[in-house]
Amino acid sequence: MTWRSAAALAAGCLALLWILHSVGLATITADVARAGWALPAMGAIHLGQLFLSALAWRCSLGGAALSQPQVFIARWVREGVNALLPVAQVGGQVAGGTILVRRGVPPVLTIAGTILDLTLEAASQLIFTLAGIGLLLGLRDERAWLGWVSGGVALSAAGVAGFVAAQRMGLLRLVETGMERLARQWPALGSWSLEGLHETLMRRQADRKAVVQAMLLHSSSWSVGALEVWLALLALGHRVGLAEAFVIESLAMAARSAGFAVPGAVGVQEGGFVLVCGLFGVPAETALALSVLKRLREVLIGAPALMAR
């Protein structure tokens, strides 16, 4: 872990401790214990999301002669590492990609396909967030929240557009050149030649059928998360409709993604749920209990993945 990641994690932990202290840890613990029966079902829902995300990744890779179970295992490990280890949402892609290379996918295709997958995942989340905002506009007349939400969406859109522009302008050619220079100093790296990385990514982006399929799969995966929120809040004794659950999931996950620099988005996720749930009258302690249930589900699904890798 770099010192920046450590500092971000420390800040997130302090923010989380302050939030828990302000609301009341005993109340949150009691709520989570009462709703614990929902965890297996939440895990099953999330496995469905992972399966859809794995299929999307496979589309970005062009099939690559990999079976669905093989890509699912790689995506499962990728999720577990990002969720449970202090890697700031980067180490999971490396771990999952390494599994693909072991299964015979060329390193160049693995990197290009993963970059495309990350791009499409971010773009589909942006659409998911916009859908949540649209639903929220229809559900609530009060618009005080619109300013900060719109600002966040604009930043996300700029980030996705900038990432795509950098790819098109040849960012990966710089990666190729850097790897060639390293290989001259350390010949052992020659087996990881990345020659043709830019061209491979451009070919994958030009496969419109695969891109559309991956976008639809990612969008479906994001949307399924609303079922998890609905079930968790039901178990916590606070029933909401599926539309409200969709809004909560879309905006809270957008907040979590914005906190990508903080390992596990510690503190960021919790603050996001408190803010968004508050729009529907969900008490802060219930929102925090919802976040804790999601983190327990991460452990339930992610811990076996860490052992499997």
Protein backbone atom coordinates (compact mmCIF):
# COMPACT_ATOMS: atom_id res chain seq x y z
CA MET A 1 0.00 0.00 0.00
CA THR A 2 1.36 3.44 -0.92
CA TRP A 3 1.44 6.23 1.62
CA ARG A 4 -1.34 7.99 -0.32
CA SER A 5 -3.59 4.93 -0.07
CA ALA A 6 -2.74 4.58 3.62
CA ALA A 7 -3.58 8.24 4.24
CA ALA A 8 -6.85 7.94 2.32
CA LEU A 9 -7.76 4.80 4.24
CA ALA A 10 -6.97 6.47 7.56
CA ALA A 11 -9.12 9.47 6.63
CA GLY A 12 -11.96 7.18 5.58
CA CYS A 13 -11.76 5.20 8.82
CA LEU A 14 -11.83 8.40 10.90
CA ALA A 15 -14.86 9.63 8.97
CA LEU A 16 -16.59 6.28 9.46
CA LEU A 17 -15.86 6.25 13.19
CA TRP A 18 -17.23 9.78 13.51
CA ILE A 19 -20.41 8.83 11.65
CA LEU A 20 -20.92 5.68 13.74
CA HIS A 21 -20.31 7.58 16.97
CA SER A 22 -22.72 10.36 15.97
CA VAL A 23 -25.54 7.96 15.13
CA GLY A 24 -24.98 5.33 17.79
CA LEU A 25 -23.02 2.13 17.30
CA ALA A 26 -25.25 0.06 19.59
CA THR A 27 -28.37 0.91 17.57
CA ILE A 28 -26.68 0.06 14.27
CA THR A 29 -25.33 -3.23 15.64
CA ALA A 30 -28.77 -4.24 16.87
CA ASP A 31 -30.34 -3.41 13.51
CA VAL A 32 -27.74 -5.44 11.62
CA ALA A 33 -28.17 -8.42 13.94
CA ARG A 34 -31.93 -8.34 13.43
CA ALA A 35 -31.58 -8.19 9.65
CA GLY A 36 -28.83 -10.80 9.36
CA TRP A 37 -31.25 -13.36 7.92
CA ALA A 38 -31.19 -11.45 4.64
CA LEU A 39 -27.44 -11.88 4.04
CA PRO A 40 -27.62 -15.20 2.15
CA ALA A 41 -30.22 -13.78 -0.24
CA MET A 42 -28.17 -10.60 -0.66
CA GLY A 43 -25.19 -12.78 -1.51
CA ALA A 44 -27.20 -14.68 -4.10
CA ILE A 45 -28.34 -11.41 -5.71
CA HIS A 46 -24.77 -10.17 -5.86
CA LEU A 47 -23.55 -13.40 -7.43
CA GLY A 48 -26.09 -12.72 -10.16
CA GLN A 49 -24.56 -9.28 -10.62
CA LEU A 50 -21.08 -10.79 -10.81
CA PHE A 51 -22.23 -13.27 -13.44
CA LEU A 52 -23.60 -10.47 -15.62
CA SER A 53 -20.38 -8.46 -15.14
CA ALA A 54 -18.30 -11.52 -16.06
CA LEU A 55 -20.28 -11.95 -19.28
CA ALA A 56 -19.65 -8.27 -20.07
CA TRP A 57 -15.91 -8.72 -19.50
CA ARG A 58 -15.95 -11.75 -21.80
CA CYS A 59 -17.58 -9.63 -24.52
CA SER A 60 -14.82 -7.02 -24.13
CA LEU A 61 -12.24 -9.77 -24.51
CA GLY A 62 -13.94 -11.00 -27.67
CA GLY A 63 -14.78 -14.37 -26.15
CA ALA A 64 -11.05 -15.26 -26.18
CA ALA A 65 -11.88 -18.99 -26.17
CA LEU A 66 -12.74 -18.71 -22.47
CA SER A 67 -15.75 -20.44 -20.95
CA GLN A 68 -18.23 -18.48 -18.87
CA PRO A 69 -17.13 -20.23 -15.63
CA GLN A 70 -13.48 -19.30 -16.27
CA VAL A 71 -14.27 -15.61 -16.74
CA PHE A 72 -16.65 -15.71 -13.76
CA ILE A 73 -13.86 -16.97 -11.47
CA ALA A 74 -11.53 -14.21 -12.69
CA ARG A 75 -14.27 -11.58 -12.16
CA TRP A 76 -15.07 -13.02 -8.72
CA VAL A 77 -11.41 -12.72 -7.67
CA ARG A 78 -11.24 -9.22 -9.14
CA GLU A 79 -14.24 -8.22 -7.02
CA GLY A 80 -12.91 -9.84 -3.85
CA VAL A 81 -9.50 -8.17 -4.08
CA ASN A 82 -10.95 -4.72 -4.76
CA ALA A 83 -13.53 -5.02 -1.98
CA LEU A 84 -11.44 -6.53 0.80
CA LEU A 85 -7.80 -5.60 0.23
CA PRO A 86 -6.25 -2.10 0.56
CA VAL A 87 -5.59 -1.72 -3.17
CA ALA A 88 -7.72 1.35 -4.05
CA GLN A 89 -9.73 -0.43 -6.80
CA VAL A 90 -6.64 -1.36 -8.85
CA GLY A 91 -5.27 -4.64 -7.54
CA GLY A 92 -8.41 -6.56 -8.43
CA GLN A 93 -7.97 -5.89 -12.13
CA VAL A 94 -4.36 -7.13 -11.92
CA ALA A 95 -5.37 -10.26 -9.99
CA GLY A 96 -8.25 -11.06 -12.35
CA GLY A 97 -6.14 -10.36 -15.41
CA THR A 98 -3.39 -12.65 -14.15
CA ILE A 99 -5.92 -15.48 -13.92
CA LEU A 100 -6.94 -14.87 -17.54
CA VAL A 101 -3.31 -14.97 -18.69
CA ARG A 102 -2.85 -18.26 -16.85
CA ARG A 103 -5.85 -19.58 -18.77
CA GLY A 104 -4.11 -18.79 -22.03
CA VAL A 105 -5.36 -15.30 -22.90
CA PRO A 106 -2.48 -13.25 -24.40
CA PRO A 107 -1.33 -10.44 -22.07
CA VAL A 108 -1.99 -7.80 -24.75
CA LEU A 109 -5.60 -8.95 -25.21
CA THR A 110 -6.09 -9.28 -21.45
CA ILE A 111 -4.98 -5.68 -20.83
CA ALA A 112 -6.89 -4.24 -23.79
CA GLY A 113 -10.06 -6.17 -22.94
CA THR A 114 -9.87 -5.18 -19.29
CA ILE A 115 -9.39 -1.49 -20.14
CA LEU A 116 -12.40 -1.65 -22.45
CA ASP A 117 -14.40 -3.43 -19.75
CA LEU A 118 -13.51 -0.78 -17.16
CA THR A 119 -14.48 1.96 -19.62
CA LEU A 120 -17.84 0.39 -20.41
CA GLU A 121 -18.50 -0.35 -16.75
CA ALA A 122 -17.92 3.32 -15.88
CA ALA A 123 -20.07 4.48 -18.81
CA SER A 124 -22.91 2.13 -17.85
CA GLN A 125 -22.73 3.32 -14.25
CA LEU A 126 -23.07 6.88 -15.48
CA ILE A 127 -26.24 5.87 -17.34
CA PHE A 128 -27.43 4.05 -14.21
CA THR A 129 -26.86 7.19 -12.14
CA LEU A 130 -28.71 9.35 -14.66
CA ALA A 131 -31.63 6.90 -14.58
CA GLY A 132 -31.65 7.16 -10.79
CA ILE A 133 -31.71 10.96 -10.98
CA GLY A 134 -34.57 10.80 -13.47
CA LEU A 135 -36.56 8.58 -11.13
CA LEU A 136 -35.78 10.84 -8.20
CA LEU A 137 -37.06 13.88 -10.11
CA GLY A 138 -40.34 12.02 -10.62
CA LEU A 139 -40.58 10.90 -6.99
CA ARG A 140 -39.75 14.17 -5.19
CA ASP A 141 -40.73 17.78 -5.82
CA GLU A 142 -38.01 19.24 -3.59
CA ARG A 143 -34.85 19.83 -5.67
CA ALA A 144 -32.26 21.05 -3.13
CA TRP A 145 -30.19 17.96 -3.84
CA LEU A 146 -30.04 18.55 -7.60
CA GLY A 147 -27.02 20.84 -7.57
CA TRP A 148 -24.53 18.56 -5.84
CA VAL A 149 -25.80 15.47 -7.67
CA SER A 150 -25.53 17.18 -11.06
CA GLY A 151 -22.01 18.34 -10.23
CA GLY A 152 -20.96 14.80 -9.41
CA VAL A 153 -22.46 13.46 -12.62
CA ALA A 154 -20.71 16.14 -14.68
CA LEU A 155 -17.36 15.21 -13.13
CA SER A 156 -18.00 11.51 -13.79
CA ALA A 157 -18.94 12.19 -17.40
CA ALA A 158 -15.81 14.29 -17.87
CA GLY A 159 -13.72 11.50 -16.38
CA VAL A 160 -15.16 8.84 -18.70
CA ALA A 161 -14.81 11.12 -21.74
CA GLY A 162 -11.22 11.96 -20.79
CA PHE A 163 -10.35 8.30 -20.33
CA VAL A 164 -11.76 7.40 -23.75
CA ALA A 165 -10.01 10.37 -25.38
CA ALA A 166 -6.69 9.35 -23.84
CA GLN A 167 -7.11 5.83 -25.22
CA ARG A 168 -7.92 7.12 -28.69
CA MET A 169 -4.96 9.52 -28.63
CA GLY A 170 -2.49 6.71 -27.98
CA LEU A 171 -2.06 6.47 -24.22
CA LEU A 172 -1.33 2.76 -24.50
CA ARG A 173 1.47 3.41 -26.99
CA LEU A 174 3.27 5.09 -24.10
CA VAL A 175 2.72 1.92 -22.06
CA GLU A 176 4.15 -0.17 -24.92
CA THR A 177 7.23 2.07 -25.14
CA GLY A 178 7.74 1.95 -21.38
CA MET A 179 7.57 -1.84 -21.35
CA GLU A 180 10.08 -2.07 -24.21
CA ARG A 181 12.54 0.09 -22.27
CA LEU A 182 12.07 -2.00 -19.13
CA ALA A 183 12.60 -5.19 -21.13
CA ARG A 184 15.94 -3.89 -22.36
CA GLN A 185 17.07 -3.48 -18.76
CA TRP A 186 15.39 -6.62 -17.42
CA PRO A 187 15.26 -9.25 -20.21
CA ALA A 188 12.98 -11.45 -18.10
CA LEU A 189 10.18 -9.03 -18.90
CA GLY A 190 10.46 -9.90 -22.59
CA SER A 191 7.77 -12.55 -22.23
CA TRP A 192 5.36 -9.74 -21.27
CA SER A 193 5.84 -7.82 -24.51
CA LEU A 194 2.94 -5.43 -25.05
CA GLU A 195 3.60 -4.72 -28.70
CA GLY A 196 0.35 -3.93 -30.47
CA LEU A 197 -1.55 -3.01 -27.29
CA HIS A 198 -3.00 0.20 -28.76
CA GLU A 199 -4.10 -1.52 -31.97
CA THR A 200 -5.69 -4.37 -30.00
CA LEU A 201 -7.71 -1.93 -27.90
CA MET A 202 -8.83 -0.05 -31.02
CA ARG A 203 -9.99 -3.34 -32.59
CA ARG A 204 -11.93 -4.25 -29.46
CA GLN A 205 -13.56 -0.79 -29.39
CA ALA A 206 -14.51 -1.18 -33.06
CA ASP A 207 -16.45 -4.39 -32.33
CA ARG A 208 -19.78 -2.61 -31.97
CA LYS A 209 -21.78 -5.76 -31.29
CA ALA A 210 -19.52 -6.72 -28.38
CA VAL A 211 -19.53 -3.17 -27.02
CA VAL A 212 -23.34 -2.95 -27.09
CA GLN A 213 -23.70 -6.38 -25.48
CA ALA A 214 -21.21 -5.48 -22.75
CA MET A 215 -23.00 -2.18 -22.06
CA LEU A 216 -26.36 -3.94 -21.75
CA LEU A 217 -24.90 -6.58 -19.43
CA HIS A 218 -23.20 -4.00 -17.22
CA SER A 219 -26.38 -1.90 -17.09
CA SER A 220 -28.38 -4.97 -16.09
CA SER A 221 -25.83 -5.79 -13.39
CA TRP A 222 -26.06 -2.30 -11.89
CA SER A 223 -29.86 -2.44 -11.93
CA VAL A 224 -30.02 -5.81 -10.14
CA GLY A 225 -28.33 -4.11 -7.18
CA ALA A 226 -31.61 -2.32 -6.46
CA LEU A 227 -33.08 -5.68 -5.40
CA GLU A 228 -30.36 -6.02 -2.78
CA VAL A 229 -31.14 -2.57 -1.34
CA TRP A 230 -34.87 -3.30 -1.34
CA LEU A 231 -34.36 -6.60 0.49
CA ALA A 232 -31.90 -5.19 3.02
CA LEU A 233 -34.16 -2.27 3.93
CA LEU A 234 -37.11 -4.67 4.21
CA ALA A 235 -35.08 -6.80 6.64
CA LEU A 236 -34.22 -3.64 8.58
CA GLY A 237 -37.90 -2.87 8.97
CA HIS A 238 -38.03 0.05 6.53
CA ARG A 239 -39.99 -0.89 3.42
CA VAL A 240 -39.37 1.13 0.26
CA GLY A 241 -40.56 0.63 -3.30
CA LEU A 242 -38.34 -0.73 -6.05
CA ALA A 243 -38.12 2.75 -7.59
CA GLU A 244 -36.79 4.20 -4.34
CA ALA A 245 -34.39 1.27 -3.98
CA PHE A 246 -33.15 1.91 -7.53
CA VAL A 247 -32.45 5.57 -6.70
CA ILE A 248 -30.67 4.69 -3.45
CA GLU A 249 -28.45 2.10 -5.13
CA SER A 250 -27.63 4.27 -8.15
CA LEU A 251 -26.63 7.38 -6.21
CA ALA A 252 -24.92 5.58 -3.32
CA MET A 253 -22.82 3.49 -5.71
CA ALA A 254 -21.94 6.64 -7.63
CA ALA A 255 -20.68 8.12 -4.35
CA ARG A 256 -18.69 4.96 -3.68
CA SER A 257 -17.11 5.09 -7.14
CA ALA A 258 -16.20 8.73 -6.58
CA GLY A 259 -14.24 7.57 -3.53
CA PHE A 260 -12.16 5.11 -5.57
CA ALA A 261 -8.92 6.49 -4.10
CA VAL A 262 -9.95 5.29 -0.63
CA PRO A 263 -9.41 1.53 -0.25
CA GLY A 264 -12.83 -0.10 0.05
CA ALA A 265 -14.40 3.40 -0.13
CA VAL A 266 -14.39 3.25 3.69
CA GLY A 267 -16.46 6.12 5.02
CA VAL A 268 -17.42 7.26 1.52
CA GLN A 269 -19.98 4.50 1.01
CA GLU A 270 -21.48 5.10 4.44
CA GLY A 271 -21.79 8.84 3.89
CA GLY A 272 -23.39 8.21 0.50
CA PHE A 273 -26.06 5.93 1.94
CA VAL A 274 -26.86 8.38 4.75
CA LEU A 275 -27.34 11.25 2.29
CA VAL A 276 -29.35 9.34 -0.32
CA CYS A 277 -31.51 7.36 2.11
CA GLY A 278 -32.30 10.61 3.88
CA LEU A 279 -34.08 11.81 0.73
CA PHE A 280 -36.71 9.11 1.37
CA GLY A 281 -36.99 9.55 5.11
CA VAL A 282 -34.80 6.56 5.97
CA PRO A 283 -33.11 7.28 9.34
CA ALA A 284 -29.33 7.61 9.43
CA GLU A 285 -28.94 4.55 11.65
CA THR A 286 -30.92 2.44 9.15
CA ALA A 287 -28.84 3.77 6.25
CA LEU A 288 -25.65 2.88 8.11
CA ALA A 289 -27.01 -0.57 8.94
CA LEU A 290 -27.72 -1.01 5.20
CA SER A 291 -24.10 -0.14 4.42
CA VAL A 292 -22.85 -2.58 7.08
CA LEU A 293 -25.00 -5.34 5.59
CA LYS A 294 -23.49 -4.64 2.17
CA ARG A 295 -19.99 -4.84 3.64
CA LEU A 296 -20.81 -8.12 5.37
CA ARG A 297 -22.05 -9.42 2.03
CA GLU A 298 -18.71 -8.33 0.51
CA VAL A 299 -16.94 -10.49 3.08
CA LEU A 300 -19.35 -13.38 2.48
CA ILE A 301 -18.69 -13.32 -1.28
CA GLY A 302 -15.17 -11.91 -1.38
CA ALA A 303 -13.35 -13.96 1.26
CA PRO A 304 -13.70 -17.26 -0.67
CA ALA A 305 -12.46 -15.45 -3.79
CA LEU A 306 -9.28 -14.37 -2.00
CA MET A 307 -8.63 -17.95 -0.99
CA ALA A 308 -9.41 -19.21 -4.50
CA ARG A 309 -6.82 -16.99 -6.17
